[in-house]
Amino acid sequence: MADLIKQAFGFDVKLVEGGRGEFTVWLNGDCVAKKIGDEFPEDQNVIDAIHQKVT
């Protein structure tokens, strides 16, 4: 995911270890995508969520 975000937006991505099974994407302090239950967000949904925040 970090590579996809870097490729799509040129952002430097910081990976931070979270709790067991946690997956959350933050942008400027706002949660833009996260894992719900056992389901990870689709890659394109994460890219779309970031795009909405930056445009």
PDB file of N, CA and C in Angstrom:
ATOM      1  N   MET A   1       0.820  -1.183   0.000  1.00  0.00           N
ATOM      2  CA  MET A   1       0.000   0.000   0.000  1.00  0.00           C
ATOM      3  C   MET A   1       0.871   1.257   0.000  1.00  0.00           C
ATOM      4  N   ALA A   2       1.928   1.254   0.785  1.00  0.00           N
ATOM      5  CA  ALA A   2       2.812   2.421   0.827  1.00  0.00           C
ATOM      6  C   ALA A   2       3.361   2.725  -0.558  1.00  0.00           C
ATOM      7  N   ASP A   3       3.742   1.699  -1.294  1.00  0.00           N
ATOM      8  CA  ASP A   3       4.270   1.906  -2.642  1.00  0.00           C
ATOM      9  C   ASP A   3       3.198   2.463  -3.584  1.00  0.00           C
ATOM     10  N   LEU A   4       1.973   1.961  -3.464  1.00  0.00           N
ATOM     11  CA  LEU A   4       0.894   2.463  -4.311  1.00  0.00           C
ATOM     12  C   LEU A   4       0.622   3.945  -4.047  1.00  0.00           C
ATOM     13  N   ILE A   5       0.618   4.323  -2.779  1.00  0.00           N
ATOM     14  CA  ILE A   5       0.383   5.715  -2.422  1.00  0.00           C
ATOM     15  C   ILE A   5       1.516   6.584  -2.945  1.00  0.00           C
ATOM     16  N   LYS A   6       2.739   6.117  -2.803  1.00  0.00           N
ATOM     17  CA  LYS A   6       3.907   6.861  -3.290  1.00  0.00           C
ATOM     18  C   LYS A   6       3.818   7.045  -4.806  1.00  0.00           C
ATOM     19  N   GLN A   7       3.452   5.963  -5.514  1.00  0.00           N
ATOM     20  CA  GLN A   7       3.351   6.035  -6.969  1.00  0.00           C
ATOM     21  C   GLN A   7       2.222   6.963  -7.416  1.00  0.00           C
ATOM     22  N   ALA A   8       1.095   6.894  -6.737  1.00  0.00           N
ATOM     23  CA  ALA A   8      -0.082   7.653  -7.149  1.00  0.00           C
ATOM     24  C   ALA A   8       0.035   9.146  -6.843  1.00  0.00           C
ATOM     25  N   PHE A   9       0.681   9.479  -5.698  1.00  0.00           N
ATOM     26  CA  PHE A   9       0.665  10.863  -5.244  1.00  0.00           C
ATOM     27  C   PHE A   9       2.048  11.460  -5.011  1.00  0.00           C
ATOM     28  N   GLY A  10       3.071  10.626  -4.977  1.00  0.00           N
ATOM     29  CA  GLY A  10       4.407  11.116  -4.699  1.00  0.00           C
ATOM     30  C   GLY A  10       4.641  11.418  -3.226  1.00  0.00           C
ATOM     31  N   PHE A  11       3.723  10.986  -2.366  1.00  0.00           N
ATOM     32  CA  PHE A  11       3.843  11.236  -0.931  1.00  0.00           C
ATOM     33  C   PHE A  11       4.877  10.323  -0.309  1.00  0.00           C
ATOM     34  N   ASP A  12       5.624  10.843   0.651  1.00  0.00           N
ATOM     35  CA  ASP A  12       6.457   9.998   1.492  1.00  0.00           C
ATOM     36  C   ASP A  12       5.535   9.368   2.522  1.00  0.00           C
ATOM     37  N   VAL A  13       5.575   8.055   2.619  1.00  0.00           N
ATOM     38  CA  VAL A  13       4.672   7.311   3.487  1.00  0.00           C
ATOM     39  C   VAL A  13       5.437   6.805   4.694  1.00  0.00           C
ATOM     40  N   LYS A  14       4.863   6.989   5.845  1.00  0.00           N
ATOM     41  CA  LYS A  14       5.464   6.515   7.083  1.00  0.00           C
ATOM     42  C   LYS A  14       4.633   5.343   7.604  1.00  0.00           C
ATOM     43  N   LEU A  15       5.272   4.204   7.783  1.00  0.00           N
ATOM     44  CA  LEU A  15       4.595   3.035   8.331  1.00  0.00           C
ATOM     45  C   LEU A  15       4.810   3.020   9.833  1.00  0.00           C
ATOM     46  N   VAL A  16       3.730   2.905  10.573  1.00  0.00           N
ATOM     47  CA  VAL A  16       3.781   2.888  12.033  1.00  0.00           C
ATOM     48  C   VAL A  16       3.123   1.605  12.508  1.00  0.00           C
ATOM     49  N   GLU A  17       3.840   0.871  13.336  1.00  0.00           N
ATOM     50  CA  GLU A  17       3.277  -0.366  13.864  1.00  0.00           C
ATOM     51  C   GLU A  17       2.101  -0.037  14.772  1.00  0.00           C
ATOM     52  N   GLY A  18       1.016  -0.732  14.550  1.00  0.00           N
ATOM     53  CA  GLY A  18      -0.184  -0.529  15.367  1.00  0.00           C
ATOM     54  C   GLY A  18      -0.503  -1.784  16.149  1.00  0.00           C
ATOM     55  N   GLY A  19      -1.712  -1.854  16.611  1.00  0.00           N
ATOM     56  CA  GLY A  19      -2.162  -3.024  17.333  1.00  0.00           C
ATOM     57  C   GLY A  19      -2.259  -4.222  16.401  1.00  0.00           C
ATOM     58  N   ARG A  20      -2.367  -5.387  16.978  1.00  0.00           N
ATOM     59  CA  ARG A  20      -2.447  -6.616  16.185  1.00  0.00           C
ATOM     60  C   ARG A  20      -3.644  -6.544  15.235  1.00  0.00           C
ATOM     61  N   GLY A  21      -3.367  -6.687  13.956  1.00  0.00           N
ATOM     62  CA  GLY A  21      -4.417  -6.699  12.950  1.00  0.00           C
ATOM     63  C   GLY A  21      -4.908  -5.328  12.531  1.00  0.00           C
ATOM     64  N   GLU A  22      -4.306  -4.284  13.050  1.00  0.00           N
ATOM     65  CA  GLU A  22      -4.751  -2.934  12.703  1.00  0.00           C
ATOM     66  C   GLU A  22      -4.210  -2.512  11.347  1.00  0.00           C
ATOM     67  N   PHE A  23      -5.038  -1.813  10.596  1.00  0.00           N
ATOM     68  CA  PHE A  23      -4.620  -1.206   9.339  1.00  0.00           C
ATOM     69  C   PHE A  23      -5.418   0.074   9.184  1.00  0.00           C
ATOM     70  N   THR A  24      -4.753   1.198   9.298  1.00  0.00           N
ATOM     71  CA  THR A  24      -5.401   2.496   9.172  1.00  0.00           C
ATOM     72  C   THR A  24      -4.512   3.394   8.321  1.00  0.00           C
ATOM     73  N   VAL A  25      -5.120   4.135   7.422  1.00  0.00           N
ATOM     74  CA  VAL A  25      -4.394   5.088   6.592  1.00  0.00           C
ATOM     75  C   VAL A  25      -4.801   6.486   7.059  1.00  0.00           C
ATOM     76  N   TRP A  26      -3.794   7.252   7.490  1.00  0.00           N
ATOM     77  CA  TRP A  26      -4.007   8.612   7.973  1.00  0.00           C
ATOM     78  C   TRP A  26      -3.411   9.600   6.982  1.00  0.00           C
ATOM     79  N   LEU A  27      -4.073  10.730   6.812  1.00  0.00           N
ATOM     80  CA  LEU A  27      -3.569  11.806   5.972  1.00  0.00           C
ATOM     81  C   LEU A  27      -3.778  13.111   6.723  1.00  0.00           C
ATOM     82  N   ASN A  28      -2.671  13.729   7.123  1.00  0.00           N
ATOM     83  CA  ASN A  28      -2.737  14.996   7.862  1.00  0.00           C
ATOM     84  C   ASN A  28      -3.650  14.909   9.086  1.00  0.00           C
ATOM     85  N   GLY A  29      -3.562  13.801   9.800  1.00  0.00           N
ATOM     86  CA  GLY A  29      -4.332  13.631  11.025  1.00  0.00           C
ATOM     87  C   GLY A  29      -5.745  13.115  10.839  1.00  0.00           C
ATOM     88  N   ASP A  30      -6.166  12.913   9.596  1.00  0.00           N
ATOM     89  CA  ASP A  30      -7.503  12.396   9.307  1.00  0.00           C
ATOM     90  C   ASP A  30      -7.416  10.944   8.838  1.00  0.00           C
ATOM     91  N   CYS A  31      -8.275  10.102   9.385  1.00  0.00           N
ATOM     92  CA  CYS A  31      -8.357   8.714   8.939  1.00  0.00           C
ATOM     93  C   CYS A  31      -9.074   8.695   7.595  1.00  0.00           C
ATOM     94  N   VAL A  32      -8.400   8.166   6.560  1.00  0.00           N
ATOM     95  CA  VAL A  32      -9.026   8.107   5.238  1.00  0.00           C
ATOM     96  C   VAL A  32      -9.451   6.695   4.860  1.00  0.00           C
ATOM     97  N   ALA A  33      -8.895   5.685   5.534  1.00  0.00           N
ATOM     98  CA  ALA A  33      -9.279   4.299   5.264  1.00  0.00           C
ATOM     99  C   ALA A  33      -8.819   3.434   6.424  1.00  0.00           C
ATOM    100  N   LYS A  34      -9.583   2.369   6.691  1.00  0.00           N
ATOM    101  CA  LYS A  34      -9.157   1.456   7.743  1.00  0.00           C
ATOM    102  C   LYS A  34      -9.771   0.086   7.542  1.00  0.00           C
ATOM    103  N   LYS A  35      -9.152  -0.870   8.171  1.00  0.00           N
ATOM    104  CA  LYS A  35      -9.622  -2.248   8.158  1.00  0.00           C
ATOM    105  C   LYS A  35     -10.831  -2.330   9.080  1.00  0.00           C
ATOM    106  N   ILE A  36     -11.879  -2.969   8.614  1.00  0.00           N
ATOM    107  CA  ILE A  36     -13.070  -3.170   9.421  1.00  0.00           C
ATOM    108  C   ILE A  36     -13.276  -4.668   9.589  1.00  0.00           C
ATOM    109  N   GLY A  37     -13.228  -5.118  10.836  1.00  0.00           N
ATOM    110  CA  GLY A  37     -13.315  -6.553  11.098  1.00  0.00           C
ATOM    111  C   GLY A  37     -12.099  -7.238  10.509  1.00  0.00           C
ATOM    112  N   ASP A  38     -12.331  -8.220   9.677  1.00  0.00           N
ATOM    113  CA  ASP A  38     -11.235  -8.923   9.016  1.00  0.00           C
ATOM    114  C   ASP A  38     -11.005  -8.435   7.593  1.00  0.00           C
ATOM    115  N   GLU A  39     -11.733  -7.407   7.179  1.00  0.00           N
ATOM    116  CA  GLU A  39     -11.690  -6.943   5.793  1.00  0.00           C
ATOM    117  C   GLU A  39     -10.792  -5.711   5.621  1.00  0.00           C
ATOM    118  N   PHE A  40      -9.738  -5.881   4.841  1.00  0.00           N
ATOM    119  CA  PHE A  40      -8.889  -4.754   4.482  1.00  0.00           C
ATOM    120  C   PHE A  40      -9.589  -3.953   3.392  1.00  0.00           C
ATOM    121  N   PRO A  41      -9.399  -2.636   3.359  1.00  0.00           N
ATOM    122  CA  PRO A  41      -9.984  -1.857   2.266  1.00  0.00           C
ATOM    123  C   PRO A  41      -9.305  -2.222   0.947  1.00  0.00           C
ATOM    124  N   GLU A  42     -10.066  -2.146  -0.114  1.00  0.00           N
ATOM    125  CA  GLU A  42      -9.505  -2.391  -1.443  1.00  0.00           C
ATOM    126  C   GLU A  42      -8.498  -1.296  -1.762  1.00  0.00           C
ATOM    127  N   ASP A  43      -7.435  -1.651  -2.464  1.00  0.00           N
ATOM    128  CA  ASP A  43      -6.391  -0.683  -2.813  1.00  0.00           C
ATOM    129  C   ASP A  43      -6.979   0.555  -3.479  1.00  0.00           C
ATOM    130  N   GLN A  44      -7.851   0.354  -4.463  1.00  0.00           N
ATOM    131  CA  GLN A  44      -8.405   1.486  -5.200  1.00  0.00           C
ATOM    132  C   GLN A  44      -9.259   2.365  -4.296  1.00  0.00           C
ATOM    133  N   ASN A  45      -9.941   1.779  -3.324  1.00  0.00           N
ATOM    134  CA  ASN A  45     -10.740   2.576  -2.398  1.00  0.00           C
ATOM    135  C   ASN A  45      -9.851   3.482  -1.552  1.00  0.00           C
ATOM    136  N   VAL A  46      -8.684   2.986  -1.165  1.00  0.00           N
ATOM    137  CA  VAL A  46      -7.750   3.806  -0.385  1.00  0.00           C
ATOM    138  C   VAL A  46      -7.237   4.952  -1.249  1.00  0.00           C
ATOM    139  N   ILE A  47      -6.836   4.643  -2.477  1.00  0.00           N
ATOM    140  CA  ILE A  47      -6.344   5.679  -3.397  1.00  0.00           C
ATOM    141  C   ILE A  47      -7.432   6.722  -3.644  1.00  0.00           C
ATOM    142  N   ASP A  48      -8.670   6.275  -3.848  1.00  0.00           N
ATOM    143  CA  ASP A  48      -9.780   7.197  -4.077  1.00  0.00           C
ATOM    144  C   ASP A  48     -10.032   8.085  -2.852  1.00  0.00           C
ATOM    145  N   ALA A  49      -9.959   7.510  -1.661  1.00  0.00           N
ATOM    146  CA  ALA A  49     -10.184   8.270  -0.431  1.00  0.00           C
ATOM    147  C   ALA A  49      -9.117   9.341  -0.252  1.00  0.00           C
ATOM    148  N   ILE A  50      -7.872   8.995  -0.560  1.00  0.00           N
ATOM    149  CA  ILE A  50      -6.796   9.978  -0.474  1.00  0.00           C
ATOM    150  C   ILE A  50      -7.005  11.079  -1.512  1.00  0.00           C
ATOM    151  N   HIS A  51      -7.364  10.678  -2.722  1.00  0.00           N
ATOM    152  CA  HIS A  51      -7.587  11.650  -3.796  1.00  0.00           C
ATOM    153  C   HIS A  51      -8.670  12.656  -3.397  1.00  0.00           C
ATOM    154  N   GLN A  52      -9.746  12.187  -2.775  1.00  0.00           N
ATOM    155  CA  GLN A  52     -10.815  13.079  -2.335  1.00  0.00           C
ATOM    156  C   GLN A  52     -10.322  14.087  -1.309  1.00  0.00           C
ATOM    157  N   LYS A  53      -9.391  13.672  -0.448  1.00  0.00           N
ATOM    158  CA  LYS A  53      -8.868  14.580   0.583  1.00  0.00           C
ATOM    159  C   LYS A  53      -7.925  15.634   0.026  1.00  0.00           C
ATOM    160  N   VAL A  54      -7.222  15.309  -1.043  1.00  0.00           N
ATOM    161  CA  VAL A  54      -6.208  16.239  -1.547  1.00  0.00           C
ATOM    162  C   VAL A  54      -6.716  17.123  -2.692  1.00  0.00           C
ATOM    163  N   THR A  55      -7.932  16.887  -3.144  1.00  0.00           N
ATOM    164  CA  THR A  55      -8.460  17.726  -4.225  1.00  0.00           C
ATOM    165  C   THR A  55      -9.601  18.584  -3.746  1.00  0.00           C
TER     166      THR A  55
END
